[in-house]
Amino acid sequence: MVIETAFTPISAIVGGALIGLSAVLLMWSVGRIAGISGIVAGAMLEHGDERNWRLIFLGGLFLGALLAALSSGALESVSSVASTPMLVLAGLLVGVGTRMGGGCTSGHGVCGISRFSMRSVVATLVFMTSGAATVFVIRHLLGEGV
């Protein structure tokens, strides 16, 4: 089974612009960087106003994705190519990796690089290299998702 992905430049540009806009609005409104792993961790640990803005931001992420998927009909064609244990393992590894890297691709890749942070440039290079290596191992060595 070969997995094909359609290249959709318009939706990619719109999505990227919305991600950038949300990062700018978050920095402007509450003075925080839009690093999703940090926002999620804080939503679980913080209280009061600090927790409220995090929950609102995360709710907006889910609502925006849901509205985009429903309006495009994308949910009808969604199927997982990986086993449930592999998905759970992947989620846990991403969580561990974001803690080890001091942030995630949104915090480092979107916000950090735009602030010319060398730490974020290095972290993003490590994320991307690790992602490419993981896809190679999963697809070509383990035969999952092929």
N, C-alpha and C. Protein backbone atom coordinates (compact mmCIF):
# COMPACT_ATOMS: atom_id res chain seq x y z
N MET A 1 0.83 -1.18 0.00
CA MET A 1 0.00 0.00 0.00
C MET A 1 0.88 1.24 0.00
N VAL A 2 0.67 2.13 -0.94
CA VAL A 2 1.42 3.37 -1.05
C VAL A 2 0.54 4.51 -0.55
N ILE A 3 1.11 5.32 0.31
CA ILE A 3 0.38 6.46 0.85
C ILE A 3 0.67 7.67 -0.02
N GLU A 4 -0.36 8.27 -0.58
CA GLU A 4 -0.19 9.46 -1.40
C GLU A 4 -0.72 10.67 -0.65
N THR A 5 0.00 11.76 -0.80
CA THR A 5 -0.40 13.00 -0.16
C THR A 5 -0.53 14.07 -1.24
N ALA A 6 -1.68 14.72 -1.27
CA ALA A 6 -1.90 15.78 -2.25
C ALA A 6 -1.23 17.06 -1.78
N PHE A 7 -0.56 17.74 -2.70
CA PHE A 7 0.06 19.02 -2.40
C PHE A 7 -0.99 20.11 -2.57
N THR A 8 -1.27 20.82 -1.50
CA THR A 8 -2.30 21.87 -1.54
C THR A 8 -1.69 23.18 -1.06
N PRO A 9 -1.07 23.93 -1.96
CA PRO A 9 -0.35 25.13 -1.53
C PRO A 9 -1.23 26.22 -0.93
N ILE A 10 -2.44 26.38 -1.41
CA ILE A 10 -3.30 27.45 -0.88
C ILE A 10 -3.64 27.18 0.58
N SER A 11 -4.09 25.96 0.88
CA SER A 11 -4.43 25.65 2.28
C SER A 11 -3.18 25.68 3.17
N ALA A 12 -2.02 25.32 2.61
CA ALA A 12 -0.78 25.38 3.39
C ALA A 12 -0.42 26.83 3.72
N ILE A 13 -0.57 27.72 2.75
CA ILE A 13 -0.27 29.13 2.98
C ILE A 13 -1.24 29.73 3.99
N VAL A 14 -2.51 29.43 3.83
CA VAL A 14 -3.52 29.95 4.77
C VAL A 14 -3.26 29.40 6.18
N GLY A 15 -3.00 28.11 6.27
CA GLY A 15 -2.72 27.50 7.58
C GLY A 15 -1.48 28.10 8.23
N GLY A 16 -0.41 28.27 7.45
CA GLY A 16 0.81 28.88 7.99
C GLY A 16 0.58 30.30 8.45
N ALA A 17 -0.20 31.06 7.67
CA ALA A 17 -0.51 32.44 8.05
C ALA A 17 -1.32 32.48 9.34
N LEU A 18 -2.25 31.55 9.51
CA LEU A 18 -3.05 31.50 10.73
C LEU A 18 -2.21 31.11 11.94
N ILE A 19 -1.26 30.20 11.74
CA ILE A 19 -0.35 29.83 12.84
C ILE A 19 0.48 31.04 13.24
N GLY A 20 1.03 31.74 12.26
CA GLY A 20 1.82 32.94 12.55
C GLY A 20 0.99 34.01 13.23
N LEU A 21 -0.23 34.22 12.74
CA LEU A 21 -1.12 35.22 13.34
C LEU A 21 -1.44 34.86 14.79
N SER A 22 -1.71 33.58 15.05
CA SER A 22 -2.03 33.19 16.42
C SER A 22 -0.83 33.38 17.34
N ALA A 23 0.38 33.13 16.83
CA ALA A 23 1.58 33.33 17.64
C ALA A 23 1.77 34.81 17.96
N VAL A 24 1.56 35.66 16.96
CA VAL A 24 1.69 37.11 17.17
C VAL A 24 0.63 37.61 18.14
N LEU A 25 -0.61 37.18 17.97
CA LEU A 25 -1.69 37.62 18.85
C LEU A 25 -1.47 37.16 20.30
N LEU A 26 -0.95 35.94 20.47
CA LEU A 26 -0.67 35.48 21.83
C LEU A 26 0.43 36.32 22.47
N MET A 27 1.48 36.61 21.71
CA MET A 27 2.56 37.44 22.25
C MET A 27 2.05 38.85 22.57
N TRP A 28 1.23 39.39 21.70
CA TRP A 28 0.69 40.74 21.89
C TRP A 28 -0.28 40.81 23.08
N SER A 29 -1.12 39.78 23.22
CA SER A 29 -2.17 39.84 24.25
C SER A 29 -1.70 39.44 25.65
N VAL A 30 -0.90 38.39 25.76
CA VAL A 30 -0.47 37.95 27.10
C VAL A 30 1.04 37.90 27.26
N GLY A 31 1.77 38.27 26.18
CA GLY A 31 3.23 38.32 26.28
C GLY A 31 3.89 36.96 26.36
N ARG A 32 3.27 35.95 25.81
CA ARG A 32 3.80 34.58 25.88
C ARG A 32 4.09 34.04 24.49
N ILE A 33 5.06 33.13 24.44
CA ILE A 33 5.43 32.44 23.20
C ILE A 33 4.46 31.28 23.00
N ALA A 34 4.05 31.07 21.76
CA ALA A 34 3.08 30.02 21.44
C ALA A 34 3.76 28.66 21.27
N GLY A 35 4.38 28.19 22.33
CA GLY A 35 4.94 26.84 22.36
C GLY A 35 3.88 25.90 22.92
N ILE A 36 3.36 25.03 22.08
CA ILE A 36 2.19 24.24 22.48
C ILE A 36 2.50 23.30 23.65
N SER A 37 3.67 22.67 23.65
CA SER A 37 3.96 21.75 24.77
C SER A 37 4.00 22.50 26.09
N GLY A 38 4.54 23.70 26.10
CA GLY A 38 4.55 24.51 27.32
C GLY A 38 3.16 24.98 27.71
N ILE A 39 2.35 25.30 26.71
CA ILE A 39 0.97 25.72 26.99
C ILE A 39 0.18 24.56 27.59
N VAL A 40 0.35 23.37 27.03
CA VAL A 40 -0.36 22.18 27.55
C VAL A 40 0.11 21.88 28.97
N ALA A 41 1.42 21.89 29.20
CA ALA A 41 1.93 21.61 30.55
C ALA A 41 1.40 22.63 31.55
N GLY A 42 1.40 23.90 31.17
CA GLY A 42 0.88 24.94 32.05
C GLY A 42 -0.61 24.82 32.29
N ALA A 43 -1.36 24.37 31.28
CA ALA A 43 -2.80 24.19 31.45
C ALA A 43 -3.11 23.12 32.49
N MET A 44 -2.21 22.17 32.64
CA MET A 44 -2.41 21.11 33.62
C MET A 44 -1.91 21.51 35.01
N LEU A 45 -0.96 22.43 35.08
CA LEU A 45 -0.32 22.75 36.35
C LEU A 45 -0.72 24.10 36.95
N GLU A 46 -1.04 25.07 36.12
CA GLU A 46 -1.32 26.42 36.60
C GLU A 46 -2.76 26.56 37.09
N HIS A 47 -3.04 27.72 37.70
CA HIS A 47 -4.39 28.02 38.19
C HIS A 47 -4.75 29.46 37.83
N GLY A 48 -6.02 29.79 37.89
CA GLY A 48 -6.48 31.16 37.68
C GLY A 48 -6.32 31.64 36.25
N ASP A 49 -6.00 32.93 36.10
CA ASP A 49 -5.87 33.54 34.78
C ASP A 49 -4.79 32.88 33.94
N GLU A 50 -3.71 32.45 34.58
CA GLU A 50 -2.62 31.79 33.85
C GLU A 50 -3.12 30.51 33.18
N ARG A 51 -3.97 29.80 33.86
CA ARG A 51 -4.53 28.57 33.29
C ARG A 51 -5.62 28.89 32.26
N ASN A 52 -6.41 29.92 32.50
CA ASN A 52 -7.53 30.25 31.63
C ASN A 52 -7.10 30.56 30.20
N TRP A 53 -6.09 31.43 30.01
CA TRP A 53 -5.67 31.77 28.66
C TRP A 53 -5.13 30.54 27.94
N ARG A 54 -4.47 29.66 28.68
CA ARG A 54 -3.94 28.43 28.08
C ARG A 54 -5.08 27.53 27.58
N LEU A 55 -6.10 27.36 28.40
CA LEU A 55 -7.24 26.53 27.99
C LEU A 55 -7.98 27.14 26.80
N ILE A 56 -8.12 28.46 26.80
CA ILE A 56 -8.78 29.13 25.67
C ILE A 56 -7.96 28.94 24.40
N PHE A 57 -6.65 29.10 24.48
CA PHE A 57 -5.78 28.93 23.31
C PHE A 57 -5.88 27.50 22.78
N LEU A 58 -5.79 26.51 23.67
CA LEU A 58 -5.88 25.11 23.26
C LEU A 58 -7.26 24.79 22.68
N GLY A 59 -8.32 25.34 23.28
CA GLY A 59 -9.66 25.15 22.73
C GLY A 59 -9.76 25.71 21.32
N GLY A 60 -9.12 26.86 21.09
CA GLY A 60 -9.10 27.44 19.75
C GLY A 60 -8.37 26.57 18.75
N LEU A 61 -7.30 25.92 19.19
CA LEU A 61 -6.58 24.99 18.31
C LEU A 61 -7.49 23.86 17.86
N PHE A 62 -8.16 23.25 18.81
CA PHE A 62 -9.04 22.12 18.48
C PHE A 62 -10.24 22.57 17.65
N LEU A 63 -10.83 23.69 18.03
CA LEU A 63 -11.99 24.19 17.30
C LEU A 63 -11.62 24.58 15.87
N GLY A 64 -10.49 25.24 15.70
CA GLY A 64 -10.04 25.62 14.35
C GLY A 64 -9.79 24.41 13.48
N ALA A 65 -9.12 23.40 14.05
CA ALA A 65 -8.86 22.18 13.29
C ALA A 65 -10.15 21.46 12.94
N LEU A 66 -11.07 21.40 13.88
CA LEU A 66 -12.35 20.74 13.64
C LEU A 66 -13.14 21.46 12.55
N LEU A 67 -13.21 22.78 12.62
CA LEU A 67 -13.93 23.55 11.61
C LEU A 67 -13.30 23.38 10.23
N ALA A 68 -11.98 23.40 10.16
CA ALA A 68 -11.29 23.22 8.88
C ALA A 68 -11.56 21.82 8.32
N ALA A 69 -11.51 20.81 9.18
CA ALA A 69 -11.75 19.44 8.72
C ALA A 69 -13.19 19.23 8.28
N LEU A 70 -14.13 19.79 9.03
CA LEU A 70 -15.54 19.64 8.66
C LEU A 70 -15.87 20.39 7.37
N SER A 71 -15.30 21.58 7.19
CA SER A 71 -15.61 22.36 6.00
C SER A 71 -14.95 21.80 4.75
N SER A 72 -13.87 21.06 4.92
CA SER A 72 -13.18 20.51 3.75
C SER A 72 -13.57 19.06 3.45
N GLY A 73 -14.27 18.42 4.38
CA GLY A 73 -14.61 17.01 4.22
C GLY A 73 -13.44 16.08 4.48
N ALA A 74 -12.39 16.59 5.11
CA ALA A 74 -11.17 15.81 5.33
C ALA A 74 -11.37 14.64 6.30
N LEU A 75 -12.33 14.76 7.21
CA LEU A 75 -12.52 13.69 8.20
C LEU A 75 -13.03 12.40 7.57
N GLU A 76 -13.69 12.51 6.43
CA GLU A 76 -14.24 11.32 5.78
C GLU A 76 -13.16 10.37 5.29
N SER A 77 -11.99 10.90 4.96
CA SER A 77 -10.94 10.06 4.38
C SER A 77 -9.81 9.75 5.36
N VAL A 78 -10.02 10.00 6.65
CA VAL A 78 -8.97 9.77 7.64
C VAL A 78 -8.97 8.31 8.07
N SER A 79 -7.80 7.71 7.98
CA SER A 79 -7.62 6.36 8.52
C SER A 79 -6.17 6.25 8.98
N SER A 80 -5.98 5.55 10.06
CA SER A 80 -4.64 5.40 10.62
C SER A 80 -3.91 4.29 9.89
N VAL A 81 -2.65 4.56 9.56
CA VAL A 81 -1.83 3.54 8.91
C VAL A 81 -0.90 2.87 9.92
N ALA A 82 -0.95 3.30 11.16
CA ALA A 82 -0.12 2.72 12.21
C ALA A 82 -1.01 2.03 13.24
N SER A 83 -0.44 1.06 13.92
CA SER A 83 -1.18 0.34 14.96
C SER A 83 -1.36 1.24 16.18
N THR A 84 -2.35 0.91 17.00
CA THR A 84 -2.61 1.70 18.21
C THR A 84 -1.40 1.72 19.14
N PRO A 85 -0.73 0.58 19.41
CA PRO A 85 0.47 0.65 20.26
C PRO A 85 1.55 1.57 19.68
N MET A 86 1.69 1.58 18.36
CA MET A 86 2.70 2.44 17.73
C MET A 86 2.31 3.91 17.90
N LEU A 87 1.01 4.23 17.81
CA LEU A 87 0.55 5.60 18.01
C LEU A 87 0.77 6.06 19.45
N VAL A 88 0.49 5.17 20.41
CA VAL A 88 0.70 5.50 21.83
C VAL A 88 2.19 5.73 22.09
N LEU A 89 3.03 4.84 21.57
CA LEU A 89 4.48 4.98 21.73
C LEU A 89 4.96 6.30 21.11
N ALA A 90 4.45 6.61 19.92
CA ALA A 90 4.84 7.86 19.26
C ALA A 90 4.46 9.07 20.09
N GLY A 91 3.25 9.08 20.64
CA GLY A 91 2.82 10.19 21.48
C GLY A 91 3.68 10.35 22.71
N LEU A 92 4.01 9.24 23.35
CA LEU A 92 4.87 9.31 24.53
C LEU A 92 6.27 9.81 24.19
N LEU A 93 6.82 9.35 23.07
CA LEU A 93 8.14 9.80 22.65
C LEU A 93 8.15 11.29 22.31
N VAL A 94 7.09 11.77 21.69
CA VAL A 94 7.00 13.21 21.39
C VAL A 94 6.97 14.00 22.69
N GLY A 95 6.18 13.55 23.66
CA GLY A 95 6.12 14.23 24.95
C GLY A 95 7.46 14.26 25.66
N VAL A 96 8.16 13.14 25.67
CA VAL A 96 9.49 13.09 26.30
C VAL A 96 10.46 13.99 25.54
N GLY A 97 10.39 13.93 24.22
CA GLY A 97 11.29 14.74 23.40
C GLY A 97 11.10 16.24 23.59
N THR A 98 9.84 16.67 23.74
CA THR A 98 9.61 18.11 23.94
C THR A 98 10.13 18.57 25.29
N ARG A 99 10.07 17.69 26.28
CA ARG A 99 10.62 18.06 27.60
C ARG A 99 12.15 18.12 27.52
N MET A 100 12.75 17.13 26.84
CA MET A 100 14.21 17.10 26.71
C MET A 100 14.73 18.29 25.89
N GLY A 101 13.97 18.68 24.86
CA GLY A 101 14.38 19.76 23.98
C GLY A 101 14.01 21.14 24.49
N GLY A 102 13.36 21.19 25.63
CA GLY A 102 12.97 22.47 26.19
C GLY A 102 11.92 23.19 25.36
N GLY A 103 11.10 22.42 24.66
CA GLY A 103 10.05 23.01 23.84
C GLY A 103 9.75 22.15 22.64
N CYS A 104 8.80 22.60 21.84
CA CYS A 104 8.33 21.82 20.70
C CYS A 104 8.55 22.59 19.40
N THR A 105 8.09 22.03 18.32
CA THR A 105 8.29 22.66 17.02
C THR A 105 7.60 24.01 16.91
N SER A 106 6.49 24.20 17.59
CA SER A 106 5.83 25.50 17.52
C SER A 106 6.62 26.55 18.30
N GLY A 107 7.10 26.20 19.47
CA GLY A 107 7.87 27.16 20.27
C GLY A 107 9.22 27.46 19.64
N HIS A 108 9.94 26.44 19.24
CA HIS A 108 11.26 26.64 18.65
C HIS A 108 11.17 26.99 17.16
N GLY A 109 10.43 26.18 16.40
CA GLY A 109 10.40 26.34 14.95
C GLY A 109 9.66 27.57 14.47
N VAL A 110 8.55 27.90 15.07
CA VAL A 110 7.77 29.05 14.64
C VAL A 110 8.22 30.31 15.37
N CYS A 111 8.22 30.25 16.68
CA CYS A 111 8.49 31.46 17.47
C CYS A 111 9.99 31.70 17.69
N GLY A 112 10.74 30.66 17.97
CA GLY A 112 12.17 30.82 18.28
C GLY A 112 12.99 31.26 17.08
N ILE A 113 12.78 30.61 15.94
CA ILE A 113 13.54 30.99 14.75
C ILE A 113 13.19 32.40 14.31
N SER A 114 11.92 32.78 14.45
CA SER A 114 11.53 34.14 14.06
C SER A 114 12.15 35.19 14.97
N ARG A 115 12.61 34.79 16.16
CA ARG A 115 13.31 35.71 17.07
C ARG A 115 14.82 35.56 16.96
N PHE A 116 15.27 34.81 15.93
CA PHE A 116 16.70 34.59 15.66
C PHE A 116 17.42 33.90 16.82
N SER A 117 16.74 32.97 17.48
CA SER A 117 17.34 32.21 18.58
C SER A 117 18.14 31.04 18.01
N MET A 118 19.46 31.05 18.24
CA MET A 118 20.30 29.95 17.75
C MET A 118 19.91 28.63 18.43
N ARG A 119 19.52 28.70 19.69
CA ARG A 119 19.06 27.51 20.40
C ARG A 119 17.87 26.89 19.67
N SER A 120 16.96 27.73 19.20
CA SER A 120 15.79 27.25 18.49
C SER A 120 16.14 26.71 17.10
N VAL A 121 17.10 27.33 16.44
CA VAL A 121 17.55 26.82 15.14
C VAL A 121 18.11 25.41 15.31
N VAL A 122 18.96 25.23 16.30
CA VAL A 122 19.55 23.91 16.56
C VAL A 122 18.47 22.91 16.94
N ALA A 123 17.56 23.31 17.84
CA ALA A 123 16.48 22.41 18.27
C ALA A 123 15.62 21.99 17.08
N THR A 124 15.29 22.94 16.20
CA THR A 124 14.45 22.63 15.05
C THR A 124 15.18 21.69 14.09
N LEU A 125 16.47 21.89 13.88
CA LEU A 125 17.25 20.97 13.04
C LEU A 125 17.25 19.56 13.64
N VAL A 126 17.37 19.47 14.96
CA VAL A 126 17.33 18.16 15.62
C VAL A 126 15.95 17.53 15.46
N PHE A 127 14.87 18.32 15.64
CA PHE A 127 13.50 17.81 15.47
C PHE A 127 13.31 17.24 14.07
N MET A 128 13.70 18.03 13.07
CA MET A 128 13.47 17.62 11.69
C MET A 128 14.29 16.39 11.32
N THR A 129 15.54 16.35 11.76
CA THR A 129 16.40 15.19 11.49
C THR A 129 15.86 13.95 12.20
N SER A 130 15.43 14.12 13.44
CA SER A 130 14.86 12.99 14.18
C SER A 130 13.58 12.49 13.53
N GLY A 131 12.75 13.42 13.05
CA GLY A 131 11.52 13.03 12.37
C GLY A 131 11.79 12.25 11.10
N ALA A 132 12.75 12.71 10.30
CA ALA A 132 13.10 12.01 9.06
C ALA A 132 13.67 10.61 9.38
N ALA A 133 14.52 10.52 10.39
CA ALA A 133 15.08 9.22 10.78
C ALA A 133 13.99 8.29 11.29
N THR A 134 13.05 8.82 12.05
CA THR A 134 11.95 8.01 12.57
C THR A 134 11.09 7.46 11.44
N VAL A 135 10.75 8.30 10.47
CA VAL A 135 9.96 7.84 9.33
C VAL A 135 10.71 6.74 8.59
N PHE A 136 12.00 6.90 8.40
CA PHE A 136 12.79 5.88 7.72
C PHE A 136 12.74 4.56 8.48
N VAL A 137 12.97 4.61 9.78
CA VAL A 137 12.97 3.38 10.58
C VAL A 137 11.60 2.73 10.58
N ILE A 138 10.54 3.51 10.83
CA ILE A 138 9.19 2.96 10.92
C ILE A 138 8.75 2.36 9.59
N ARG A 139 8.95 3.08 8.51
CA ARG A 139 8.46 2.61 7.21
C ARG A 139 9.36 1.58 6.55
N HIS A 140 10.67 1.81 6.57
CA HIS A 140 11.55 0.98 5.79
C HIS A 140 12.19 -0.17 6.58
N LEU A 141 12.40 0.01 7.84
CA LEU A 141 13.00 -1.06 8.64
C LEU A 141 11.96 -1.90 9.37
N LEU A 142 10.93 -1.26 9.90
CA LEU A 142 9.89 -2.00 10.62
C LEU A 142 8.70 -2.35 9.74
N GLY A 143 8.54 -1.69 8.60
CA GLY A 143 7.45 -1.98 7.68
C GLY A 143 6.10 -1.51 8.13
N GLU A 144 6.03 -0.59 9.11
CA GLU A 144 4.76 -0.04 9.57
C GLU A 144 4.29 1.06 8.63
N GLY A 145 3.01 1.18 8.41
CA GLY A 145 2.45 2.28 7.64
C GLY A 145 2.75 2.27 6.16
N VAL A 146 3.16 1.12 5.65
CA VAL A 146 3.48 1.03 4.21
C VAL A 146 2.39 0.28 3.49
